[in-house]
Amino acid sequence: PDPADAAAAHEVAWAGDLMRGLADGRPWILMEQAPG
């Protein structure tokens, strides 16, 4: 997500809920994000 985007927190939620759906409702792993 772009820190310059006010909706970036939703991008975090959207991606997480999608991955959980792909995992049949089970947990998943974030493989990459940027520290900065």
All heavy atoms as atom14 arrays in JSON, in Angstrom:
{
  "sequence": "PDPADAAAAHEVAWAGDLMRGLADGRPWILMEQAPG",
  "atom14_mask": [
    [1, 1, 1, 1, 1, 1, 1, 0, 0, 0, 0, 0, 0, 0],
    [1, 1, 1, 1, 1, 1, 1, 1, 0, 0, 0, 0, 0, 0],
    [1, 1, 1, 1, 1, 1, 1, 0, 0, 0, 0, 0, 0, 0],
    [1, 1, 1, 1, 1, 0, 0, 0, 0, 0, 0, 0, 0, 0],
    [1, 1, 1, 1, 1, 1, 1, 1, 0, 0, 0, 0, 0, 0],
    [1, 1, 1, 1, 1, 0, 0, 0, 0, 0, 0, 0, 0, 0],
    [1, 1, 1, 1, 1, 0, 0, 0, 0, 0, 0, 0, 0, 0],
    [1, 1, 1, 1, 1, 0, 0, 0, 0, 0, 0, 0, 0, 0],
    [1, 1, 1, 1, 1, 0, 0, 0, 0, 0, 0, 0, 0, 0],
    [1, 1, 1, 1, 1, 1, 1, 1, 1, 1, 0, 0, 0, 0],
    [1, 1, 1, 1, 1, 1, 1, 1, 1, 0, 0, 0, 0, 0],
    [1, 1, 1, 1, 1, 1, 1, 0, 0, 0, 0, 0, 0, 0],
    [1, 1, 1, 1, 1, 0, 0, 0, 0, 0, 0, 0, 0, 0],
    [1, 1, 1, 1, 1, 1, 1, 1, 1, 1, 1, 1, 1, 1],
    [1, 1, 1, 1, 1, 0, 0, 0, 0, 0, 0, 0, 0, 0],
    [1, 1, 1, 1, 0, 0, 0, 0, 0, 0, 0, 0, 0, 0],
    [1, 1, 1, 1, 1, 1, 1, 1, 0, 0, 0, 0, 0, 0],
    [1, 1, 1, 1, 1, 1, 1, 1, 0, 0, 0, 0, 0, 0],
    [1, 1, 1, 1, 1, 1, 1, 1, 0, 0, 0, 0, 0, 0],
    [1, 1, 1, 1, 1, 1, 1, 1, 1, 1, 1, 0, 0, 0],
    [1, 1, 1, 1, 0, 0, 0, 0, 0, 0, 0, 0, 0, 0],
    [1, 1, 1, 1, 1, 1, 1, 1, 0, 0, 0, 0, 0, 0],
    [1, 1, 1, 1, 1, 0, 0, 0, 0, 0, 0, 0, 0, 0],
    [1, 1, 1, 1, 1, 1, 1, 1, 0, 0, 0, 0, 0, 0],
    [1, 1, 1, 1, 0, 0, 0, 0, 0, 0, 0, 0, 0, 0],
    [1, 1, 1, 1, 1, 1, 1, 1, 1, 1, 1, 0, 0, 0],
    [1, 1, 1, 1, 1, 1, 1, 0, 0, 0, 0, 0, 0, 0],
    [1, 1, 1, 1, 1, 1, 1, 1, 1, 1, 1, 1, 1, 1],
    [1, 1, 1, 1, 1, 1, 1, 1, 0, 0, 0, 0, 0, 0],
    [1, 1, 1, 1, 1, 1, 1, 1, 0, 0, 0, 0, 0, 0],
    [1, 1, 1, 1, 1, 1, 1, 1, 0, 0, 0, 0, 0, 0],
    [1, 1, 1, 1, 1, 1, 1, 1, 1, 0, 0, 0, 0, 0],
    [1, 1, 1, 1, 1, 1, 1, 1, 1, 0, 0, 0, 0, 0],
    [1, 1, 1, 1, 1, 0, 0, 0, 0, 0, 0, 0, 0, 0],
    [1, 1, 1, 1, 1, 1, 1, 0, 0, 0, 0, 0, 0, 0],
    [1, 1, 1, 1, 0, 0, 0, 0, 0, 0, 0, 0, 0, 0]
  ],
  "atom14_positions": [
    [[0.83, -1.21, 0.0], [0.0, 0.0, 0.0], [0.87, 1.26, 0.0], [1.99, 1.27, 0.51], [-0.79, -0.12, 1.3], [-0.71, -1.56, 1.68], [0.6, -2.04, 1.17], [0.0, 0.0, 0.0], [0.0, 0.0, 0.0], [0.0, 0.0, 0.0], [0.0, 0.0, 0.0], [0.0, 0.0, 0.0], [0.0, 0.0, 0.0], [0.0, 0.0, 0.0]],
    [[0.33, 2.32, -0.57], [1.06, 3.57, -0.69], [0.83, 4.42, 0.57], [-0.31, 4.8, 0.86], [0.59, 4.33, -1.92], [1.46, 5.53, -2.25], [2.27, 5.94, -1.4], [1.32, 6.08, -3.37], [0.0, 0.0, 0.0], [0.0, 0.0, 0.0], [0.0, 0.0, 0.0], [0.0, 0.0, 0.0], [0.0, 0.0, 0.0], [0.0, 0.0, 0.0]],
    [[1.87, 4.74, 1.33], [1.68, 5.57, 2.53], [1.1, 6.95, 2.21], [0.58, 7.62, 3.11], [3.09, 5.69, 3.11], [3.83, 4.52, 2.55], [3.26, 4.3, 1.18], [0.0, 0.0, 0.0], [0.0, 0.0, 0.0], [0.0, 0.0, 0.0], [0.0, 0.0, 0.0], [0.0, 0.0, 0.0], [0.0, 0.0, 0.0], [0.0, 0.0, 0.0]],
    [[1.21, 7.38, 0.95], [0.65, 8.68, 0.57], [-0.84, 8.61, 0.25], [-1.45, 9.63, -0.08], [1.41, 9.23, -0.64], [0.0, 0.0, 0.0], [0.0, 0.0, 0.0], [0.0, 0.0, 0.0], [0.0, 0.0, 0.0], [0.0, 0.0, 0.0], [0.0, 0.0, 0.0], [0.0, 0.0, 0.0], [0.0, 0.0, 0.0], [0.0, 0.0, 0.0]],
    [[-1.44, 7.43, 0.37], [-2.85, 7.22, 0.06], [-3.63, 7.13, 1.37], [-3.35, 6.27, 2.22], [-3.02, 5.94, -0.75], [-4.46, 5.66, -1.15], [-5.34, 6.47, -0.83], [-4.69, 4.61, -1.78], [0.0, 0.0, 0.0], [0.0, 0.0, 0.0], [0.0, 0.0, 0.0], [0.0, 0.0, 0.0], [0.0, 0.0, 0.0], [0.0, 0.0, 0.0]],
    [[-4.62, 7.99, 1.55], [-5.42, 7.96, 2.78], [-6.17, 6.65, 2.93], [-6.57, 6.28, 4.04], [-6.39, 9.14, 2.8], [0.0, 0.0, 0.0], [0.0, 0.0, 0.0], [0.0, 0.0, 0.0], [0.0, 0.0, 0.0], [0.0, 0.0, 0.0], [0.0, 0.0, 0.0], [0.0, 0.0, 0.0], [0.0, 0.0, 0.0], [0.0, 0.0, 0.0]],
    [[-6.41, 5.95, 1.82], [-7.14, 4.68, 1.85], [-6.2, 3.48, 1.95], [-6.65, 2.34, 1.76], [-8.02, 4.54, 0.62], [0.0, 0.0, 0.0], [0.0, 0.0, 0.0], [0.0, 0.0, 0.0], [0.0, 0.0, 0.0], [0.0, 0.0, 0.0], [0.0, 0.0, 0.0], [0.0, 0.0, 0.0], [0.0, 0.0, 0.0], [0.0, 0.0, 0.0]],
    [[-4.93, 3.69, 2.24], [-3.98, 2.59, 2.27], [-4.34, 1.55, 3.33], [-4.12, 0.36, 3.15], [-2.56, 3.12, 2.51], [0.0, 0.0, 0.0], [0.0, 0.0, 0.0], [0.0, 0.0, 0.0], [0.0, 0.0, 0.0], [0.0, 0.0, 0.0], [0.0, 0.0, 0.0], [0.0, 0.0, 0.0], [0.0, 0.0, 0.0], [0.0, 0.0, 0.0]],
    [[-4.91, 1.99, 4.46], [-5.29, 1.04, 5.5], [-6.34, 0.08, 4.98], [-6.39, -1.1, 5.38], [-5.79, 1.78, 6.73], [0.0, 0.0, 0.0], [0.0, 0.0, 0.0], [0.0, 0.0, 0.0], [0.0, 0.0, 0.0], [0.0, 0.0, 0.0], [0.0, 0.0, 0.0], [0.0, 0.0, 0.0], [0.0, 0.0, 0.0], [0.0, 0.0, 0.0]],
    [[-7.21, 0.56, 4.09], [-8.18, -0.36, 3.49], [-7.49, -1.35, 2.57], [-7.91, -2.51, 2.49], [-9.27, 0.39, 2.72], [-10.17, -0.56, 1.97], [-10.17, -0.67, 0.6], [-11.06, -1.49, 2.42], [-11.02, -1.61, 0.24], [-11.58, -2.12, 1.31], [0.0, 0.0, 0.0], [0.0, 0.0, 0.0], [0.0, 0.0, 0.0], [0.0, 0.0, 0.0]],
    [[-6.45, -0.93, 1.88], [-5.71, -1.86, 1.03], [-5.16, -3.01, 1.86], [-5.17, -4.18, 1.43], [-4.58, -1.13, 0.32], [-3.77, -1.98, -0.64], [-4.55, -2.38, -1.88], [-5.49, -1.65, -2.25], [-4.22, -3.43, -2.47], [0.0, 0.0, 0.0], [0.0, 0.0, 0.0], [0.0, 0.0, 0.0], [0.0, 0.0, 0.0], [0.0, 0.0, 0.0]],
    [[-4.69, -2.72, 3.06], [-4.21, -3.76, 3.97], [-5.34, -4.72, 4.3], [-5.18, -5.94, 4.25], [-3.63, -3.13, 5.25], [-3.29, -4.21, 6.28], [-2.39, -2.3, 4.94], [0.0, 0.0, 0.0], [0.0, 0.0, 0.0], [0.0, 0.0, 0.0], [0.0, 0.0, 0.0], [0.0, 0.0, 0.0], [0.0, 0.0, 0.0], [0.0, 0.0, 0.0]],
    [[-6.51, -4.16, 4.63], [-7.66, -5.0, 4.99], [-8.15, -5.82, 3.81], [-8.45, -7.01, 3.94], [-8.78, -4.11, 5.53], [0.0, 0.0, 0.0], [0.0, 0.0, 0.0], [0.0, 0.0, 0.0], [0.0, 0.0, 0.0], [0.0, 0.0, 0.0], [0.0, 0.0, 0.0], [0.0, 0.0, 0.0], [0.0, 0.0, 0.0], [0.0, 0.0, 0.0]],
    [[-8.26, -5.19, 2.65], [-8.74, -5.87, 1.44], [-7.84, -7.05, 1.09], [-8.32, -8.17, 0.86], [-8.79, -4.86, 0.3], [-8.93, -5.44, -1.08], [-7.93, -5.59, -2.0], [-10.13, -5.91, -1.71], [-8.43, -6.14, -3.17], [-9.77, -6.34, -3.01], [-11.45, -6.01, -1.32], [-10.71, -6.85, -3.91], [-12.38, -6.53, -2.21], [-12.0, -6.95, -3.48]],
    [[-6.54, -6.81, 1.06], [-5.61, -7.88, 0.71], [-5.67, -9.01, 1.74], [-5.65, -10.19, 1.38], [-4.19, -7.33, 0.6], [0.0, 0.0, 0.0], [0.0, 0.0, 0.0], [0.0, 0.0, 0.0], [0.0, 0.0, 0.0], [0.0, 0.0, 0.0], [0.0, 0.0, 0.0], [0.0, 0.0, 0.0], [0.0, 0.0, 0.0], [0.0, 0.0, 0.0]],
    [[-5.76, -8.65, 3.02], [-5.81, -9.67, 4.05], [-7.06, -10.52, 3.98], [-7.01, -11.75, 4.09], [0.0, 0.0, 0.0], [0.0, 0.0, 0.0], [0.0, 0.0, 0.0], [0.0, 0.0, 0.0], [0.0, 0.0, 0.0], [0.0, 0.0, 0.0], [0.0, 0.0, 0.0], [0.0, 0.0, 0.0], [0.0, 0.0, 0.0], [0.0, 0.0, 0.0]],
    [[-8.21, -9.87, 3.78], [-9.46, -10.63, 3.69], [-9.48, -11.51, 2.45], [-10.03, -12.62, 2.46], [-10.65, -9.67, 3.68], [-10.86, -8.99, 5.03], [-10.23, -9.4, 6.01], [-11.66, -8.03, 5.08], [0.0, 0.0, 0.0], [0.0, 0.0, 0.0], [0.0, 0.0, 0.0], [0.0, 0.0, 0.0], [0.0, 0.0, 0.0], [0.0, 0.0, 0.0]],
    [[-8.89, -11.03, 1.34], [-8.81, -11.84, 0.13], [-7.93, -13.06, 0.36], [-8.28, -14.18, -0.03], [-8.3, -11.0, -1.04], [-8.06, -11.76, -2.35], [-9.33, -12.47, -2.82], [-7.56, -10.81, -3.43], [0.0, 0.0, 0.0], [0.0, 0.0, 0.0], [0.0, 0.0, 0.0], [0.0, 0.0, 0.0], [0.0, 0.0, 0.0], [0.0, 0.0, 0.0]],
    [[-6.76, -12.87, 0.97], [-5.88, -14.01, 1.22], [-6.54, -15.03, 2.14], [-6.4, -16.24, 1.95], [-4.55, -13.53, 1.83], [-3.69, -12.73, 0.88], [-3.34, -13.57, -0.68], [-4.06, -12.42, -1.85], [0.0, 0.0, 0.0], [0.0, 0.0, 0.0], [0.0, 0.0, 0.0], [0.0, 0.0, 0.0], [0.0, 0.0, 0.0], [0.0, 0.0, 0.0]],
    [[-7.26, -14.53, 3.13], [-7.96, -15.45, 4.03], [-9.02, -16.24, 3.26], [-9.24, -17.43, 3.51], [-8.6, -14.65, 5.17], [-9.03, -15.51, 6.35], [-9.56, -14.66, 7.49], [-10.83, -14.0, 7.16], [-10.98, -12.7, 6.97], [-9.94, -11.89, 7.07], [-12.16, -12.18, 6.67], [0.0, 0.0, 0.0], [0.0, 0.0, 0.0], [0.0, 0.0, 0.0]],
    [[-9.69, -15.58, 2.32], [-10.64, -16.3, 1.48], [-9.97, -17.35, 0.63], [-10.48, -18.47, 0.49], [0.0, 0.0, 0.0], [0.0, 0.0, 0.0], [0.0, 0.0, 0.0], [0.0, 0.0, 0.0], [0.0, 0.0, 0.0], [0.0, 0.0, 0.0], [0.0, 0.0, 0.0], [0.0, 0.0, 0.0], [0.0, 0.0, 0.0], [0.0, 0.0, 0.0]],
    [[-8.82, -17.02, 0.06], [-8.08, -17.98, -0.76], [-7.6, -19.16, 0.08], [-7.4, -20.26, -0.45], [-6.9, -17.27, -1.42], [-7.28, -16.25, -2.5], [-6.1, -15.34, -2.82], [-7.74, -16.95, -3.77], [0.0, 0.0, 0.0], [0.0, 0.0, 0.0], [0.0, 0.0, 0.0], [0.0, 0.0, 0.0], [0.0, 0.0, 0.0], [0.0, 0.0, 0.0]],
    [[-7.4, -18.92, 1.38], [-6.97, -19.99, 2.28], [-8.14, -20.73, 2.91], [-7.98, -21.38, 3.94], [-6.08, -19.4, 3.38], [0.0, 0.0, 0.0], [0.0, 0.0, 0.0], [0.0, 0.0, 0.0], [0.0, 0.0, 0.0], [0.0, 0.0, 0.0], [0.0, 0.0, 0.0], [0.0, 0.0, 0.0], [0.0, 0.0, 0.0], [0.0, 0.0, 0.0]],
    [[-9.31, -20.63, 2.29], [-10.51, -21.32, 2.78], [-10.89, -20.86, 4.18], [-11.38, -21.65, 5.0], [-10.31, -22.85, 2.78], [-9.95, -23.39, 1.42], [-10.47, -22.88, 0.42], [-9.13, -24.32, 1.36], [0.0, 0.0, 0.0], [0.0, 0.0, 0.0], [0.0, 0.0, 0.0], [0.0, 0.0, 0.0], [0.0, 0.0, 0.0], [0.0, 0.0, 0.0]],
    [[-10.67, -19.57, 4.47], [-11.01, -19.03, 5.77], [-9.95, -19.24, 6.82], [-10.11, -18.81, 7.97], [0.0, 0.0, 0.0], [0.0, 0.0, 0.0], [0.0, 0.0, 0.0], [0.0, 0.0, 0.0], [0.0, 0.0, 0.0], [0.0, 0.0, 0.0], [0.0, 0.0, 0.0], [0.0, 0.0, 0.0], [0.0, 0.0, 0.0], [0.0, 0.0, 0.0]],
    [[-8.84, -19.86, 6.47], [-7.75, -20.14, 7.41], [-6.68, -19.05, 7.31], [-6.69, -18.22, 6.4], [-7.15, -21.52, 7.11], [-8.16, -22.65, 7.2], [-8.56, -22.92, 8.64], [-7.45, -23.49, 9.38], [-7.33, -23.48, 10.71], [-8.25, -22.88, 11.43], [-6.3, -24.05, 11.3], [0.0, 0.0, 0.0], [0.0, 0.0, 0.0], [0.0, 0.0, 0.0]],
    [[-5.71, -19.05, 8.23], [-4.65, -18.04, 8.19], [-3.75, -18.18, 6.97], [-3.74, -19.2, 6.28], [-3.87, -18.28, 9.49], [-4.87, -18.94, 10.4], [-5.69, -19.81, 9.5], [0.0, 0.0, 0.0], [0.0, 0.0, 0.0], [0.0, 0.0, 0.0], [0.0, 0.0, 0.0], [0.0, 0.0, 0.0], [0.0, 0.0, 0.0], [0.0, 0.0, 0.0]],
    [[-2.95, -17.16, 6.75], [-2.06, -17.06, 5.6], [-0.8, -16.35, 6.06], [-0.64, -16.03, 7.25], [-2.75, -16.27, 4.47], [-3.28, -14.95, 4.93], [-4.44, -14.72, 5.63], [-2.65, -13.67, 4.78], [-4.58, -13.38, 5.92], [-3.5, -12.71, 5.41], [-1.48, -13.23, 4.17], [-3.18, -11.35, 5.45], [-1.17, -11.88, 4.21], [-2.02, -10.96, 4.84]],
    [[0.13, -16.1, 5.13], [1.4, -15.43, 5.46], [1.61, -14.25, 4.53], [1.43, -14.38, 3.31], [2.59, -16.41, 5.37], [2.58, -17.36, 6.57], [3.92, -15.66, 5.33], [3.73, -18.36, 6.56], [0.0, 0.0, 0.0], [0.0, 0.0, 0.0], [0.0, 0.0, 0.0], [0.0, 0.0, 0.0], [0.0, 0.0, 0.0], [0.0, 0.0, 0.0]],
    [[1.96, -13.12, 5.09], [2.42, -11.99, 4.28], [3.87, -12.26, 3.91], [4.74, -12.28, 4.78], [2.3, -10.68, 5.05], [2.79, -9.45, 4.29], [1.86, -9.12, 3.13], [2.92, -8.24, 5.21], [0.0, 0.0, 0.0], [0.0, 0.0, 0.0], [0.0, 0.0, 0.0], [0.0, 0.0, 0.0], [0.0, 0.0, 0.0], [0.0, 0.0, 0.0]],
    [[4.14, -12.47, 2.64], [5.48, -12.8, 2.19], [6.32, -11.56, 1.96], [7.54, -11.58, 2.16], [5.42, -13.65, 0.92], [6.74, -14.28, 0.51], [7.36, -15.45, 1.74], [6.22, -16.8, 1.53], [0.0, 0.0, 0.0], [0.0, 0.0, 0.0], [0.0, 0.0, 0.0], [0.0, 0.0, 0.0], [0.0, 0.0, 0.0], [0.0, 0.0, 0.0]],
    [[5.69, -10.46, 1.52], [6.45, -9.24, 1.26], [5.63, -8.01, 1.62], [4.44, -7.91, 1.28], [6.84, -9.12, -0.22], [7.88, -10.09, -0.72], [8.29, -9.8, -2.16], [8.05, -8.65, -2.62], [8.8, -10.71, -2.81], [0.0, 0.0, 0.0], [0.0, 0.0, 0.0], [0.0, 0.0, 0.0], [0.0, 0.0, 0.0], [0.0, 0.0, 0.0]],
    [[6.27, -7.07, 2.31], [5.83, -5.69, 2.42], [7.1, -4.86, 2.54], [8.18, -5.4, 2.75], [4.89, -5.47, 3.61], [5.57, -5.59, 4.96], [4.7, -5.1, 6.1], [3.72, -4.39, 5.91], [5.04, -5.5, 7.33], [0.0, 0.0, 0.0], [0.0, 0.0, 0.0], [0.0, 0.0, 0.0], [0.0, 0.0, 0.0], [0.0, 0.0, 0.0]],
    [[6.97, -3.55, 2.43], [8.14, -2.69, 2.52], [8.29, -2.17, 3.94], [7.31, -1.67, 4.52], [8.02, -1.52, 1.55], [0.0, 0.0, 0.0], [0.0, 0.0, 0.0], [0.0, 0.0, 0.0], [0.0, 0.0, 0.0], [0.0, 0.0, 0.0], [0.0, 0.0, 0.0], [0.0, 0.0, 0.0], [0.0, 0.0, 0.0], [0.0, 0.0, 0.0]],
    [[9.48, -2.24, 4.52], [9.68, -1.6, 5.83], [9.53, -0.08, 5.76], [9.14, 0.55, 6.74], [11.11, -1.99, 6.21], [11.42, -3.19, 5.36], [10.67, -2.98, 4.08], [0.0, 0.0, 0.0], [0.0, 0.0, 0.0], [0.0, 0.0, 0.0], [0.0, 0.0, 0.0], [0.0, 0.0, 0.0], [0.0, 0.0, 0.0], [0.0, 0.0, 0.0]],
    [[9.83, 0.49, 4.6], [9.7, 1.93, 4.4], [9.12, 2.22, 3.04], [7.98, 1.88, 2.74], [0.0, 0.0, 0.0], [0.0, 0.0, 0.0], [0.0, 0.0, 0.0], [0.0, 0.0, 0.0], [0.0, 0.0, 0.0], [0.0, 0.0, 0.0], [0.0, 0.0, 0.0], [0.0, 0.0, 0.0], [0.0, 0.0, 0.0], [0.0, 0.0, 0.0]]
  ]
}
